[in-house]
Each structure stands twice: as structure tokens, then as C-alpha cells.
Amino acid sequence: MCLLTTGLTLFSQPVEAEVLVQGEWLADEDYYQLLDSIPEDCELVSNEEYRMMQMQRADAVFLSRGHVQDIGWQDWRGSGKTAGTTGQNKCLEAIRVMISGSRYGISYQTHIQDIGWTHWVSSSTSEWSAPMSGTTGQSKRMEAIKWKIFKRR
């Protein structure tokens, strides 16, 4: 048996994706039949690889990850996705923000319970260097956030 945990995406030029398998058990014969059905000029990539390719092509993609009370750091979330939780009565305590793509950057600051406004921080295009704004391990909620998007020189 073959377990495909990340899913498979069909990728060709121009970029058009079709989800073929998503977290399903396949018998070996079904797996090989699936591989044989992919046209020769196409490449099989994971959903995560496809998302990374899309972000590299975009002028700007807004990404954020939140630090949530009793949970910790969440995974990176794309534009339009929630950093934090809803309906769980958990505070968002800190955030990291970045804009992928080389043309834009972002600066941000947060207002923290009993502390006030933090200093402005600026993010690069790398998730590894996206600075944190807020607190961790202090049980202080973020109460507001301000950000500025700027064009890089």
C-alpha cells in the first residue's frame, strides 16, 4: 500500500493545477496506474511545492502566523486566512508578518495588553527573518495591529 499524505498536484505550463489525490490510501496498482496516466510533458509536485511556485511568481503575497494562547505558533497563513482562532476563546499574543516577492515590504507594530504599543518592526521576504511583534509566555493579548506596506527600492 502507498499512503500519499501531502496530496499530488498536476503541474504544467501555463500553471494549471488539478488535485488528483489528497490523503487517500492507494493500492500499489492504483498508484502506478495514476503515475502512468500523467502526460510526459507534465511534472508531479506536492501541493506545498505548488504553493511555493505560485508565491514566487506573484508580485506580492501577504503571509502571517500567529502565536495563540495555550497553542503556540501556528503555520504560515496566506492572504485572506485567519491568524489566530475563532470561537475557541483563545487570545492572539504575537504575530509574524511578511510579504513574499521582492518588490514590497511590510512594517508593523502591535498594541499589547498592559504594555501598550510595541516598536515598529520590518519584515524581509524570508519567513526565517520575519520579526515577531507581541509577546510569548506572558499571557498578554494583542489588542490591535498597525501595518504599512512599502515598495522596496
N, C-alpha and C. Protein backbone atom coordinates (compact mmCIF):
# COMPACT_ATOMS: atom_id res chain seq x y z
N MET A 1 0.84 -1.19 0.00
CA MET A 1 0.00 0.00 0.00
C MET A 1 0.89 1.25 0.00
N CYS A 2 0.38 2.31 -0.60
CA CYS A 2 1.11 3.57 -0.66
C CYS A 2 0.21 4.66 -0.07
N LEU A 3 0.69 5.37 0.94
CA LEU A 3 -0.08 6.46 1.54
C LEU A 3 0.47 7.78 1.04
N LEU A 4 -0.37 8.54 0.36
CA LEU A 4 0.03 9.86 -0.10
C LEU A 4 -0.50 10.87 0.90
N THR A 5 0.38 11.39 1.73
CA THR A 5 -0.07 12.26 2.82
C THR A 5 -0.15 13.72 2.42
N THR A 6 0.69 14.16 1.48
CA THR A 6 0.68 15.58 1.13
C THR A 6 -0.21 15.89 -0.05
N GLY A 7 -0.70 14.90 -0.73
CA GLY A 7 -1.51 15.13 -1.91
C GLY A 7 -0.63 15.28 -3.13
N LEU A 8 -1.21 15.16 -4.28
CA LEU A 8 -0.47 15.31 -5.52
C LEU A 8 -1.14 16.38 -6.36
N THR A 9 -0.34 17.11 -7.09
CA THR A 9 -0.86 18.16 -7.96
C THR A 9 -0.26 17.97 -9.34
N LEU A 10 -1.07 18.10 -10.36
CA LEU A 10 -0.58 18.03 -11.73
C LEU A 10 -0.16 19.43 -12.14
N PHE A 11 1.09 19.59 -12.60
CA PHE A 11 1.64 20.89 -12.91
C PHE A 11 2.20 20.89 -14.32
N SER A 12 1.79 21.85 -15.12
CA SER A 12 2.36 22.03 -16.46
C SER A 12 2.34 23.51 -16.78
N GLN A 13 2.91 23.90 -17.89
CA GLN A 13 2.93 25.31 -18.29
C GLN A 13 1.79 25.56 -19.26
N PRO A 14 0.99 26.61 -19.22
CA PRO A 14 0.95 27.52 -18.09
C PRO A 14 0.44 26.83 -16.84
N VAL A 15 0.65 27.46 -15.70
CA VAL A 15 0.34 26.79 -14.44
C VAL A 15 -1.16 26.55 -14.31
N GLU A 16 -1.53 25.30 -14.33
CA GLU A 16 -2.90 24.87 -14.09
C GLU A 16 -2.80 23.67 -13.17
N ALA A 17 -3.47 23.72 -12.04
CA ALA A 17 -3.35 22.62 -11.07
C ALA A 17 -4.66 21.86 -10.98
N GLU A 18 -4.54 20.58 -10.88
CA GLU A 18 -5.70 19.72 -10.68
C GLU A 18 -5.33 18.76 -9.56
N VAL A 19 -6.10 18.78 -8.47
CA VAL A 19 -5.81 17.88 -7.36
C VAL A 19 -6.23 16.48 -7.76
N LEU A 20 -5.30 15.56 -7.72
CA LEU A 20 -5.57 14.20 -8.13
C LEU A 20 -5.86 13.29 -6.95
N VAL A 21 -5.03 13.38 -5.91
CA VAL A 21 -5.16 12.52 -4.74
C VAL A 21 -4.88 13.38 -3.52
N GLN A 22 -5.69 13.27 -2.50
CA GLN A 22 -5.48 14.06 -1.30
C GLN A 22 -5.63 13.16 -0.08
N GLY A 23 -4.53 12.68 0.46
CA GLY A 23 -4.54 11.93 1.70
C GLY A 23 -5.33 10.65 1.66
N GLU A 24 -5.30 9.93 0.55
CA GLU A 24 -6.06 8.69 0.44
C GLU A 24 -5.12 7.51 0.29
N TRP A 25 -5.57 6.37 0.80
CA TRP A 25 -4.81 5.13 0.63
C TRP A 25 -5.00 4.64 -0.79
N LEU A 26 -3.90 4.25 -1.41
CA LEU A 26 -3.96 3.68 -2.75
C LEU A 26 -3.25 2.34 -2.75
N ALA A 27 -3.85 1.35 -3.37
CA ALA A 27 -3.15 0.09 -3.59
C ALA A 27 -2.01 0.37 -4.57
N ASP A 28 -0.95 -0.43 -4.49
CA ASP A 28 0.20 -0.21 -5.37
C ASP A 28 -0.20 -0.11 -6.84
N GLU A 29 -1.10 -0.98 -7.28
CA GLU A 29 -1.51 -0.98 -8.69
C GLU A 29 -2.20 0.33 -9.05
N ASP A 30 -3.02 0.89 -8.12
CA ASP A 30 -3.69 2.17 -8.39
C ASP A 30 -2.67 3.30 -8.45
N TYR A 31 -1.68 3.25 -7.57
CA TYR A 31 -0.64 4.28 -7.54
C TYR A 31 0.13 4.29 -8.86
N TYR A 32 0.54 3.12 -9.32
CA TYR A 32 1.30 3.05 -10.58
C TYR A 32 0.43 3.42 -11.78
N GLN A 33 -0.85 3.08 -11.72
CA GLN A 33 -1.77 3.47 -12.79
C GLN A 33 -1.89 4.99 -12.84
N LEU A 34 -1.95 5.61 -11.65
CA LEU A 34 -2.00 7.07 -11.58
C LEU A 34 -0.75 7.68 -12.19
N LEU A 35 0.42 7.16 -11.83
CA LEU A 35 1.67 7.68 -12.38
C LEU A 35 1.74 7.50 -13.89
N ASP A 36 1.26 6.37 -14.38
CA ASP A 36 1.28 6.11 -15.83
C ASP A 36 0.34 7.03 -16.60
N SER A 37 -0.67 7.58 -15.93
CA SER A 37 -1.66 8.42 -16.61
C SER A 37 -1.22 9.87 -16.77
N ILE A 38 -0.09 10.24 -16.18
CA ILE A 38 0.39 11.63 -16.24
C ILE A 38 1.10 11.84 -17.57
N PRO A 39 0.71 12.85 -18.34
CA PRO A 39 1.36 13.11 -19.63
C PRO A 39 2.86 13.34 -19.45
N GLU A 40 3.65 12.99 -20.47
CA GLU A 40 5.10 13.08 -20.39
C GLU A 40 5.61 14.50 -20.16
N ASP A 41 4.90 15.51 -20.66
CA ASP A 41 5.38 16.88 -20.53
C ASP A 41 4.94 17.53 -19.22
N CYS A 42 4.40 16.76 -18.30
CA CYS A 42 3.96 17.28 -17.01
C CYS A 42 4.87 16.77 -15.90
N GLU A 43 4.88 17.53 -14.82
CA GLU A 43 5.68 17.17 -13.66
C GLU A 43 4.75 17.00 -12.47
N LEU A 44 4.99 16.00 -11.67
CA LEU A 44 4.19 15.74 -10.48
C LEU A 44 4.84 16.45 -9.30
N VAL A 45 4.11 17.35 -8.65
CA VAL A 45 4.64 18.07 -7.49
C VAL A 45 3.63 18.01 -6.37
N SER A 46 4.11 18.23 -5.15
CA SER A 46 3.21 18.24 -3.99
C SER A 46 2.45 19.57 -3.95
N ASN A 47 1.38 19.61 -3.18
CA ASN A 47 0.61 20.85 -3.02
C ASN A 47 1.49 21.96 -2.46
N GLU A 48 2.37 21.62 -1.50
CA GLU A 48 3.25 22.62 -0.89
C GLU A 48 4.22 23.19 -1.93
N GLU A 49 4.79 22.34 -2.77
CA GLU A 49 5.69 22.83 -3.83
C GLU A 49 4.94 23.75 -4.78
N TYR A 50 3.70 23.41 -5.10
CA TYR A 50 2.90 24.24 -6.00
C TYR A 50 2.64 25.61 -5.38
N ARG A 51 2.29 25.65 -4.08
CA ARG A 51 2.06 26.93 -3.40
C ARG A 51 3.32 27.79 -3.42
N MET A 52 4.48 27.17 -3.21
CA MET A 52 5.74 27.92 -3.23
C MET A 52 6.01 28.49 -4.63
N MET A 53 5.73 27.71 -5.67
CA MET A 53 5.91 28.20 -7.05
C MET A 53 4.99 29.39 -7.32
N GLN A 54 3.75 29.30 -6.85
CA GLN A 54 2.80 30.40 -7.05
C GLN A 54 3.28 31.66 -6.34
N MET A 55 3.78 31.52 -5.11
CA MET A 55 4.25 32.68 -4.36
C MET A 55 5.44 33.33 -5.05
N GLN A 56 6.32 32.53 -5.64
CA GLN A 56 7.49 33.08 -6.31
C GLN A 56 7.09 33.87 -7.56
N ARG A 57 5.99 33.51 -8.20
CA ARG A 57 5.53 34.21 -9.40
C ARG A 57 4.77 35.49 -9.07
N ALA A 58 4.19 35.57 -7.90
CA ALA A 58 3.34 36.70 -7.55
C ALA A 58 4.17 37.94 -7.24
N ASP A 59 3.62 39.12 -7.53
CA ASP A 59 4.28 40.36 -7.15
C ASP A 59 4.34 40.49 -5.64
N ALA A 60 3.26 40.12 -4.96
CA ALA A 60 3.22 40.21 -3.50
C ALA A 60 2.18 39.25 -2.96
N VAL A 61 2.58 38.47 -1.97
CA VAL A 61 1.66 37.58 -1.27
C VAL A 61 1.81 37.86 0.22
N PHE A 62 0.73 38.24 0.87
CA PHE A 62 0.73 38.54 2.30
C PHE A 62 0.65 37.23 3.08
N LEU A 63 1.57 37.04 4.02
CA LEU A 63 1.60 35.84 4.86
C LEU A 63 1.70 36.25 6.32
N SER A 64 1.04 35.50 7.19
CA SER A 64 1.14 35.77 8.62
C SER A 64 1.07 34.47 9.40
N ARG A 65 1.62 34.50 10.60
CA ARG A 65 1.46 33.38 11.52
C ARG A 65 1.29 33.96 12.91
N GLY A 66 0.36 33.41 13.66
CA GLY A 66 0.05 33.92 14.98
C GLY A 66 0.55 33.00 16.08
N HIS A 67 0.82 33.61 17.23
CA HIS A 67 1.12 32.85 18.45
C HIS A 67 -0.14 32.93 19.30
N VAL A 68 -0.75 31.77 19.57
CA VAL A 68 -2.05 31.70 20.22
C VAL A 68 -1.90 31.13 21.64
N GLN A 69 -2.64 31.72 22.56
CA GLN A 69 -2.68 31.27 23.95
C GLN A 69 -2.90 29.76 24.02
N ASP A 70 -2.09 29.08 24.79
CA ASP A 70 -2.17 27.62 25.04
C ASP A 70 -1.94 26.76 23.79
N ILE A 71 -1.64 27.36 22.65
CA ILE A 71 -1.40 26.60 21.42
C ILE A 71 0.03 26.81 20.93
N GLY A 72 0.48 28.05 20.90
CA GLY A 72 1.81 28.38 20.38
C GLY A 72 1.73 28.90 18.96
N TRP A 73 2.85 28.81 18.24
CA TRP A 73 2.92 29.34 16.88
C TRP A 73 2.14 28.48 15.90
N GLN A 74 1.34 29.13 15.09
CA GLN A 74 0.61 28.47 14.01
C GLN A 74 1.49 28.42 12.76
N ASP A 75 1.07 27.64 11.78
CA ASP A 75 1.74 27.62 10.48
C ASP A 75 1.48 28.95 9.77
N TRP A 76 2.30 29.24 8.76
CA TRP A 76 2.08 30.42 7.94
C TRP A 76 0.74 30.32 7.23
N ARG A 77 0.00 31.44 7.19
CA ARG A 77 -1.30 31.51 6.52
C ARG A 77 -1.22 32.54 5.41
N GLY A 78 -1.86 32.25 4.30
CA GLY A 78 -1.85 33.14 3.15
C GLY A 78 -2.88 34.25 3.25
N SER A 79 -2.91 35.10 2.24
CA SER A 79 -3.86 36.21 2.17
C SER A 79 -5.28 35.72 2.37
N GLY A 80 -6.04 36.42 3.19
CA GLY A 80 -7.43 36.08 3.43
C GLY A 80 -7.65 34.99 4.46
N LYS A 81 -6.58 34.43 5.01
CA LYS A 81 -6.70 33.37 6.02
C LYS A 81 -6.53 33.97 7.42
N THR A 82 -7.08 33.30 8.42
CA THR A 82 -7.08 33.80 9.79
C THR A 82 -5.80 33.43 10.52
N ALA A 83 -5.15 34.42 11.11
CA ALA A 83 -4.07 34.18 12.07
C ALA A 83 -4.73 34.27 13.44
N GLY A 84 -4.65 33.21 14.22
CA GLY A 84 -5.36 33.14 15.49
C GLY A 84 -6.45 32.10 15.40
N THR A 85 -7.42 32.21 16.26
CA THR A 85 -8.53 31.26 16.27
C THR A 85 -9.85 32.01 16.33
N THR A 86 -10.92 31.34 16.00
CA THR A 86 -12.26 31.90 16.17
C THR A 86 -13.09 30.90 16.94
N GLY A 87 -13.89 31.39 17.87
CA GLY A 87 -14.80 30.54 18.62
C GLY A 87 -14.16 29.63 19.64
N GLN A 88 -12.88 29.83 19.95
CA GLN A 88 -12.19 28.98 20.92
C GLN A 88 -11.82 29.72 22.20
N ASN A 89 -12.14 31.01 22.26
CA ASN A 89 -11.83 31.83 23.43
C ASN A 89 -10.33 31.81 23.75
N LYS A 90 -9.50 31.93 22.71
CA LYS A 90 -8.04 31.96 22.85
C LYS A 90 -7.53 33.30 22.35
N CYS A 91 -6.60 33.88 23.09
CA CYS A 91 -6.03 35.17 22.71
C CYS A 91 -4.90 35.01 21.70
N LEU A 92 -4.85 35.93 20.75
CA LEU A 92 -3.70 36.05 19.87
C LEU A 92 -2.68 36.89 20.63
N GLU A 93 -1.49 36.34 20.87
CA GLU A 93 -0.50 37.01 21.72
C GLU A 93 0.63 37.66 20.92
N ALA A 94 0.93 37.14 19.75
CA ALA A 94 2.00 37.70 18.92
C ALA A 94 1.74 37.33 17.47
N ILE A 95 2.44 38.01 16.58
CA ILE A 95 2.27 37.76 15.16
C ILE A 95 3.59 37.98 14.44
N ARG A 96 3.77 37.25 13.35
CA ARG A 96 4.87 37.47 12.41
C ARG A 96 4.20 37.68 11.05
N VAL A 97 4.68 38.67 10.31
CA VAL A 97 4.07 39.03 9.03
C VAL A 97 5.17 39.20 7.99
N MET A 98 4.88 38.79 6.78
CA MET A 98 5.81 39.04 5.68
C MET A 98 5.03 39.16 4.38
N ILE A 99 5.66 39.78 3.42
CA ILE A 99 5.13 39.83 2.06
C ILE A 99 6.17 39.19 1.18
N SER A 100 5.81 38.09 0.53
CA SER A 100 6.77 37.44 -0.36
C SER A 100 6.83 38.21 -1.66
N GLY A 101 7.89 38.06 -2.37
CA GLY A 101 8.12 38.83 -3.58
C GLY A 101 9.10 39.94 -3.27
N SER A 102 9.86 40.35 -4.22
CA SER A 102 10.95 41.28 -3.95
C SER A 102 10.56 42.75 -4.03
N ARG A 103 9.36 43.07 -4.47
CA ARG A 103 9.02 44.47 -4.71
C ARG A 103 8.41 45.19 -3.51
N TYR A 104 7.90 44.45 -2.53
CA TYR A 104 7.21 45.08 -1.42
C TYR A 104 7.74 44.57 -0.09
N GLY A 105 7.60 45.41 0.92
CA GLY A 105 7.93 45.03 2.29
C GLY A 105 6.81 45.47 3.20
N ILE A 106 6.90 45.10 4.46
CA ILE A 106 5.87 45.48 5.42
C ILE A 106 6.52 45.81 6.76
N SER A 107 6.02 46.87 7.38
CA SER A 107 6.39 47.23 8.75
C SER A 107 5.13 47.13 9.57
N TYR A 108 5.26 46.71 10.82
CA TYR A 108 4.07 46.55 11.66
C TYR A 108 4.41 46.73 13.12
N GLN A 109 3.39 47.07 13.89
CA GLN A 109 3.51 47.16 15.34
C GLN A 109 2.19 46.71 15.95
N THR A 110 2.25 46.24 17.19
CA THR A 110 1.05 45.75 17.86
C THR A 110 0.87 46.46 19.19
N HIS A 111 -0.38 46.51 19.64
CA HIS A 111 -0.71 47.05 20.96
C HIS A 111 -0.97 45.85 21.87
N ILE A 112 -0.25 45.77 22.97
CA ILE A 112 -0.29 44.62 23.86
C ILE A 112 -0.94 45.00 25.19
N GLN A 113 -1.79 44.11 25.70
CA GLN A 113 -2.47 44.28 26.98
C GLN A 113 -1.47 44.68 28.07
N ASP A 114 -1.76 45.75 28.80
CA ASP A 114 -0.97 46.25 29.94
C ASP A 114 0.43 46.74 29.55
N ILE A 115 0.78 46.74 28.28
CA ILE A 115 2.11 47.18 27.84
C ILE A 115 2.00 48.40 26.94
N GLY A 116 1.08 48.36 25.98
CA GLY A 116 0.93 49.44 25.01
C GLY A 116 1.52 49.06 23.67
N TRP A 117 1.87 50.09 22.89
CA TRP A 117 2.38 49.86 21.54
C TRP A 117 3.82 49.38 21.57
N THR A 118 4.12 48.37 20.75
CA THR A 118 5.48 47.89 20.58
C THR A 118 6.20 48.79 19.59
N HIS A 119 7.50 48.59 19.42
CA HIS A 119 8.25 49.30 18.39
C HIS A 119 7.86 48.75 17.02
N TRP A 120 8.02 49.57 16.00
CA TRP A 120 7.80 49.11 14.63
C TRP A 120 8.86 48.08 14.28
N VAL A 121 8.47 47.03 13.59
CA VAL A 121 9.41 46.04 13.04
C VAL A 121 9.14 45.93 11.55
N SER A 122 10.16 45.58 10.79
CA SER A 122 10.03 45.43 9.34
C SER A 122 10.44 44.03 8.94
N SER A 123 9.67 43.47 8.04
CA SER A 123 9.88 42.09 7.60
C SER A 123 10.59 42.06 6.27
N SER A 124 11.43 41.06 6.10
CA SER A 124 12.04 40.82 4.79
C SER A 124 11.16 39.83 4.04
N THR A 125 11.66 39.29 2.95
CA THR A 125 10.88 38.34 2.17
C THR A 125 11.10 36.91 2.63
N SER A 126 11.85 36.71 3.69
CA SER A 126 12.14 35.36 4.18
C SER A 126 11.36 35.07 5.45
N GLU A 127 10.67 33.92 5.48
CA GLU A 127 9.91 33.57 6.68
C GLU A 127 10.82 33.39 7.88
N TRP A 128 12.10 33.08 7.65
CA TRP A 128 13.02 32.85 8.76
C TRP A 128 13.42 34.15 9.43
N SER A 129 13.25 35.28 8.75
CA SER A 129 13.64 36.54 9.35
C SER A 129 12.46 37.47 9.60
N ALA A 130 11.24 36.95 9.52
CA ALA A 130 10.06 37.77 9.82
C ALA A 130 10.03 38.01 11.32
N PRO A 131 10.17 39.27 11.76
CA PRO A 131 10.25 39.54 13.19
C PRO A 131 8.89 39.40 13.89
N MET A 132 8.96 39.06 15.15
CA MET A 132 7.77 38.91 15.97
C MET A 132 7.37 40.26 16.54
N SER A 133 6.08 40.51 16.61
CA SER A 133 5.56 41.64 17.35
C SER A 133 4.52 41.09 18.31
N GLY A 134 4.65 41.45 19.58
CA GLY A 134 3.78 40.91 20.62
C GLY A 134 4.62 40.25 21.70
N THR A 135 4.01 39.35 22.44
CA THR A 135 4.73 38.64 23.49
C THR A 135 4.41 37.15 23.42
N THR A 136 5.29 36.35 23.97
CA THR A 136 5.03 34.92 24.15
C THR A 136 5.39 34.58 25.59
N GLY A 137 4.63 33.67 26.18
CA GLY A 137 4.92 33.23 27.54
C GLY A 137 4.54 34.21 28.63
N GLN A 138 3.84 35.28 28.30
CA GLN A 138 3.45 36.27 29.30
C GLN A 138 1.94 36.36 29.48
N SER A 139 1.18 35.61 28.71
CA SER A 139 -0.29 35.64 28.76
C SER A 139 -0.84 37.05 28.57
N LYS A 140 -0.27 37.77 27.61
CA LYS A 140 -0.74 39.12 27.27
C LYS A 140 -1.34 39.08 25.87
N ARG A 141 -2.55 39.55 25.73
CA ARG A 141 -3.21 39.50 24.43
C ARG A 141 -2.81 40.70 23.56
N MET A 142 -2.78 40.47 22.26
CA MET A 142 -2.65 41.56 21.30
C MET A 142 -4.01 42.22 21.20
N GLU A 143 -4.03 43.54 21.28
CA GLU A 143 -5.31 44.25 21.22
C GLU A 143 -5.51 45.00 19.91
N ALA A 144 -4.42 45.27 19.21
CA ALA A 144 -4.53 45.98 17.93
C ALA A 144 -3.24 45.78 17.14
N ILE A 145 -3.33 46.03 15.85
CA ILE A 145 -2.15 45.96 14.99
C ILE A 145 -2.23 47.06 13.94
N LYS A 146 -1.08 47.67 13.65
CA LYS A 146 -0.97 48.64 12.57
C LYS A 146 0.11 48.14 11.63
N TRP A 147 -0.09 48.32 10.31
CA TRP A 147 0.97 47.97 9.38
C TRP A 147 1.03 48.95 8.24
N LYS A 148 2.22 49.01 7.64
CA LYS A 148 2.46 49.85 6.47
C LYS A 148 3.13 48.98 5.42
N ILE A 149 2.59 49.00 4.23
CA ILE A 149 3.19 48.28 3.12
C ILE A 149 3.96 49.30 2.29
N PHE A 150 5.19 48.97 1.95
CA PHE A 150 6.02 49.90 1.21
C PHE A 150 6.66 49.21 0.02
N LYS A 151 6.96 50.01 -1.00
CA LYS A 151 7.64 49.48 -2.18
C LYS A 151 9.14 49.53 -1.92
N ARG A 152 9.80 48.42 -2.16
CA ARG A 152 11.25 48.36 -1.97
C ARG A 152 11.95 49.11 -3.09
N ARG A 153 13.13 49.60 -2.79
CA ARG A 153 13.91 50.33 -3.80
C ARG A 153 14.67 49.40 -4.69
